[in-house]
Amino acid sequence: MELPPLRSIPFPRYTAEKEAVMRIDSPVIAAGMRMTNLLILNLFWLIGCLPLVTIGVSTIAAYTVTLKMVEDCEDYSMTAQFWKAYVKNLKHGIPLSLVLLAACGSILMDVRMVEAHTGDTTGLLTAGFLLLLLLLIHFLYLFPLEARYQNRLMAGVANARGIFLSYPRRSLILTGILLAEFLLVTQLNTPLRSFSPFFLPILMIYTVSKAVHPVFRELEQLSGKGGA
């Protein structure tokens, strides 16, 4: 019995561009893996923030991972990196959380008082603005500093303030970018708004990491010391 003639099966021909996309080390695959890792890291951050007093601890741990991502030097499991840093930074992270929560609560109270006040609110607005400015100056770089270097808590606060004042243009641009990210995600009526807690925090943390990394490198070269 003769077999029927076999038909040739047409296989797709991959161009060099398609092959580059499909390679495991291609920029497309790498970007997808990076986004996935950031989403997982955001989940870890949320879990770490469940007791509100550990918001600072969780944020420092997240910066520990994102700063290594920016440098492409993740040396072991992201999960292990995060939780190891989480435990390590409890001593500094909890006091920072308390200060941050108190400051944010004061700003919120000031806003409520302005809304309820019927007379002149110049004093309340000025006080709220000054408190917000102080919070920005001292906290914009404080958590990445705590993640990268080992120092006394007040020395870290002073260093964060020093970096902000030494790089005012970079700091203001970074503040504008963070504000734009927050407003675009939370104020526009899009599907992203409902899911913002699951990606916005780590997006902002990664943005700060990208911005502050060259500053850290420059300061380390000037001092002749590497990061911790």
Protein backbone atom coordinates (compact mmCIF):
# COMPACT_ATOMS: atom_id res chain seq x y z
CA MET A 1 0.00 0.00 0.00
CA GLU A 2 1.42 3.30 -1.07
CA LEU A 3 1.49 6.24 1.28
CA PRO A 4 -0.13 9.43 0.07
CA PRO A 5 2.31 12.11 -0.93
CA LEU A 6 3.26 14.28 2.03
CA ARG A 7 2.60 17.96 1.73
CA SER A 8 5.29 20.35 2.77
CA ILE A 9 4.37 22.29 5.89
CA PRO A 10 5.09 25.98 5.52
CA PHE A 11 7.12 27.24 8.46
CA PRO A 12 7.15 30.95 9.19
CA ARG A 13 10.31 32.71 8.19
CA TYR A 14 11.62 34.88 10.99
CA THR A 15 13.38 38.03 10.04
CA ALA A 16 16.37 39.21 12.00
CA GLU A 17 14.13 41.71 13.78
CA LYS A 18 11.67 38.99 14.85
CA GLU A 19 14.48 36.75 16.02
CA ALA A 20 15.87 39.60 18.09
CA VAL A 21 12.48 40.14 19.72
CA MET A 22 12.08 36.44 20.53
CA ARG A 23 15.53 36.06 22.09
CA ILE A 24 15.45 35.72 25.86
CA ASP A 25 18.02 38.53 26.21
CA SER A 26 16.24 40.89 23.81
CA PRO A 27 15.23 44.38 25.00
CA VAL A 28 11.54 43.50 24.62
CA ILE A 29 11.78 40.38 26.80
CA ALA A 30 13.99 42.22 29.29
CA ALA A 31 11.49 45.08 29.53
CA GLY A 32 8.63 42.63 30.09
CA MET A 33 10.57 40.85 32.83
CA ARG A 34 11.44 44.17 34.45
CA MET A 35 7.79 45.26 34.47
CA THR A 36 6.74 41.92 35.96
CA ASN A 37 9.38 42.19 38.68
CA LEU A 38 8.27 45.72 39.51
CA LEU A 39 4.65 44.63 39.85
CA ILE A 40 5.71 41.80 42.17
CA LEU A 41 7.85 44.25 44.12
CA ASN A 42 4.86 46.58 44.47
CA LEU A 43 2.92 43.67 45.99
CA PHE A 44 5.72 43.09 48.48
CA TRP A 45 5.68 46.81 49.30
CA LEU A 46 1.93 46.74 49.97
CA ILE A 47 2.27 43.69 52.22
CA GLY A 48 5.13 45.36 54.08
CA CYS A 49 2.99 48.48 54.65
CA LEU A 50 0.07 46.63 56.24
CA PRO A 51 1.02 47.84 59.72
CA LEU A 52 1.09 51.56 58.86
CA VAL A 53 4.10 52.15 61.08
CA THR A 54 6.21 50.08 58.66
CA ILE A 55 5.58 52.19 55.55
CA GLY A 56 9.09 53.56 55.85
CA VAL A 57 10.58 50.11 56.35
CA SER A 58 8.83 48.76 53.27
CA THR A 59 9.85 51.78 51.20
CA ILE A 60 13.52 51.45 52.14
CA ALA A 61 13.38 47.75 51.23
CA ALA A 62 11.80 48.57 47.87
CA TYR A 63 14.55 51.13 47.15
CA THR A 64 17.16 48.52 48.02
CA VAL A 65 15.86 46.43 45.11
CA THR A 66 15.14 49.23 42.60
CA LEU A 67 18.55 50.85 43.04
CA LYS A 68 20.13 47.51 42.12
CA MET A 69 17.73 47.21 39.18
CA VAL A 70 18.86 50.59 37.89
CA GLU A 71 22.48 49.42 38.07
CA ASP A 72 21.63 45.99 36.58
CA CYS A 73 23.36 44.30 39.50
CA GLU A 74 20.64 42.17 41.07
CA ASP A 75 22.86 39.53 42.61
CA TYR A 76 20.22 37.13 43.98
CA SER A 77 16.48 36.61 44.38
CA MET A 78 14.42 39.81 44.41
CA THR A 79 12.19 38.32 47.10
CA ALA A 80 15.16 37.58 49.33
CA GLN A 81 16.63 41.05 48.69
CA PHE A 82 13.41 42.79 49.69
CA TRP A 83 12.67 40.89 52.88
CA LYS A 84 16.28 40.87 54.02
CA ALA A 85 16.38 44.66 53.63
CA TYR A 86 12.97 44.91 55.32
CA VAL A 87 14.21 43.21 58.49
CA LYS A 88 17.52 45.08 58.41
CA ASN A 89 15.88 48.53 58.27
CA LEU A 90 13.23 48.16 60.98
CA LYS A 91 15.26 50.30 63.40
CA HIS A 92 15.34 53.36 61.12
CA GLY A 93 12.23 52.69 59.07
CA ILE A 94 9.67 52.76 61.88
CA PRO A 95 10.71 56.19 63.28
CA LEU A 96 10.71 57.59 59.74
CA SER A 97 7.24 56.14 59.20
CA LEU A 98 5.96 57.87 62.33
CA VAL A 99 7.42 61.23 61.30
CA LEU A 100 6.06 60.87 57.77
CA LEU A 101 2.59 59.89 58.97
CA ALA A 102 2.52 62.77 61.45
CA ALA A 103 3.59 65.27 58.78
CA CYS A 104 1.07 64.01 56.23
CA GLY A 105 -1.64 64.06 58.89
CA SER A 106 -0.79 67.66 59.74
CA ILE A 107 -0.96 68.67 56.08
CA LEU A 108 -4.31 66.91 55.68
CA MET A 109 -5.63 68.63 58.81
CA ASP A 110 -4.46 71.98 57.45
CA VAL A 111 -6.31 71.35 54.18
CA ARG A 112 -9.49 70.47 56.06
CA MET A 113 -9.19 73.64 58.15
CA VAL A 114 -8.77 75.75 55.01
CA GLU A 115 -11.87 74.16 53.48
CA ALA A 116 -13.93 74.76 56.63
CA HIS A 117 -12.63 78.28 57.33
CA THR A 118 -14.71 81.16 55.99
CA GLY A 119 -12.32 84.02 56.77
CA ASP A 120 -8.75 84.77 55.74
CA THR A 121 -6.86 81.52 55.21
CA THR A 122 -3.48 83.00 54.27
CA GLY A 123 -1.85 81.83 57.50
CA LEU A 124 -3.16 78.29 57.15
CA LEU A 125 -2.11 78.08 53.51
CA THR A 126 1.37 79.39 54.32
CA ALA A 127 1.80 76.92 57.16
CA GLY A 128 0.64 74.03 54.98
CA PHE A 129 2.95 75.04 52.13
CA LEU A 130 5.97 75.36 54.41
CA LEU A 131 5.29 71.98 55.99
CA LEU A 132 4.93 70.37 52.56
CA LEU A 133 8.18 72.01 51.40
CA LEU A 134 10.06 70.77 54.47
CA LEU A 135 8.66 67.28 53.93
CA LEU A 136 9.79 67.31 50.30
CA ILE A 137 13.28 68.61 51.08
CA HIS A 138 13.94 66.02 53.77
CA PHE A 139 12.13 62.96 52.41
CA LEU A 140 12.60 63.00 48.63
CA TYR A 141 16.03 61.36 48.88
CA LEU A 142 15.93 60.02 52.44
CA PHE A 143 14.60 56.54 51.71
CA PRO A 144 17.03 55.78 48.85
CA LEU A 145 19.86 57.07 51.06
CA GLU A 146 18.79 54.71 53.84
CA ALA A 147 18.64 51.87 51.31
CA ARG A 148 22.12 52.46 49.90
CA TYR A 149 24.19 53.62 52.86
CA GLN A 150 24.60 52.77 56.52
CA ASN A 151 24.48 55.90 58.63
CA ARG A 152 22.95 57.41 61.73
CA LEU A 153 19.34 58.46 61.24
CA MET A 154 19.86 62.19 61.70
CA ALA A 155 22.92 62.08 59.45
CA GLY A 156 20.73 60.52 56.77
CA VAL A 157 18.17 63.31 57.17
CA ALA A 158 20.93 65.92 56.85
CA ASN A 159 22.36 64.20 53.77
CA ALA A 160 18.92 64.06 52.13
CA ARG A 161 18.46 67.78 52.72
CA GLY A 162 21.96 68.48 51.42
CA ILE A 163 21.36 66.58 48.17
CA PHE A 164 18.06 68.37 47.56
CA LEU A 165 19.63 71.79 48.07
CA SER A 166 22.80 70.91 46.11
CA TYR A 167 20.82 69.68 43.09
CA PRO A 168 17.81 72.02 43.06
CA ARG A 169 17.08 71.74 39.34
CA ARG A 170 17.17 67.94 39.32
CA SER A 171 15.12 67.84 42.51
CA LEU A 172 12.41 70.15 41.18
CA ILE A 173 12.21 68.30 37.85
CA LEU A 174 11.93 64.99 39.71
CA THR A 175 9.20 66.45 41.92
CA GLY A 176 7.31 67.57 38.80
CA ILE A 177 7.61 64.12 37.22
CA LEU A 178 6.34 62.41 40.37
CA LEU A 179 3.44 64.84 40.60
CA ALA A 180 2.59 64.24 36.94
CA GLU A 181 2.65 60.46 37.44
CA PHE A 182 0.38 60.75 40.47
CA LEU A 183 -2.13 63.08 38.80
CA LEU A 184 -2.23 61.20 35.48
CA VAL A 185 -2.97 57.91 37.22
CA THR A 186 -5.27 59.03 40.02
CA GLN A 187 -7.17 61.98 38.56
CA LEU A 188 -7.97 60.81 35.04
CA ASN A 189 -11.06 58.63 34.82
CA THR A 190 -9.38 55.61 33.26
CA PRO A 191 -9.25 51.90 34.20
CA LEU A 192 -5.74 52.52 35.57
CA ARG A 193 -7.21 54.62 38.35
CA SER A 194 -8.82 51.60 40.03
CA PHE A 195 -5.59 49.61 39.94
CA SER A 196 -3.25 52.46 40.91
CA PRO A 197 -2.31 50.99 44.35
CA PHE A 198 -0.89 47.96 42.57
CA PHE A 199 1.61 49.81 40.37
CA LEU A 200 1.81 53.56 41.16
CA PRO A 201 3.93 53.32 44.35
CA ILE A 202 6.64 51.24 42.71
CA LEU A 203 6.51 53.41 39.56
CA MET A 204 7.31 56.46 41.69
CA ILE A 205 9.98 54.60 43.66
CA TYR A 206 11.63 53.41 40.44
CA THR A 207 11.47 56.95 39.01
CA VAL A 208 13.31 58.34 42.03
CA SER A 209 15.86 55.51 41.81
CA LYS A 210 16.61 56.35 38.17
CA ALA A 211 16.98 60.04 39.01
CA VAL A 212 19.10 59.67 42.14
CA HIS A 213 21.46 56.97 40.90
CA PRO A 214 23.77 59.33 38.94
CA VAL A 215 23.80 61.69 41.94
CA PHE A 216 24.93 58.88 44.23
CA ARG A 217 27.60 57.85 41.74
CA GLU A 218 28.88 61.40 41.46
CA LEU A 219 29.05 61.84 45.22
CA GLU A 220 30.77 58.46 45.63
CA GLN A 221 33.41 59.42 43.07
CA LEU A 222 34.01 62.72 44.86
CA SER A 223 34.39 60.99 48.21
CA GLY A 224 36.27 58.01 46.81
CA LYS A 225 33.84 55.56 48.42
CA GLY A 226 31.36 53.08 46.92
CA GLY A 227 27.81 52.39 48.05
CA ALA A 228 27.17 50.18 51.00
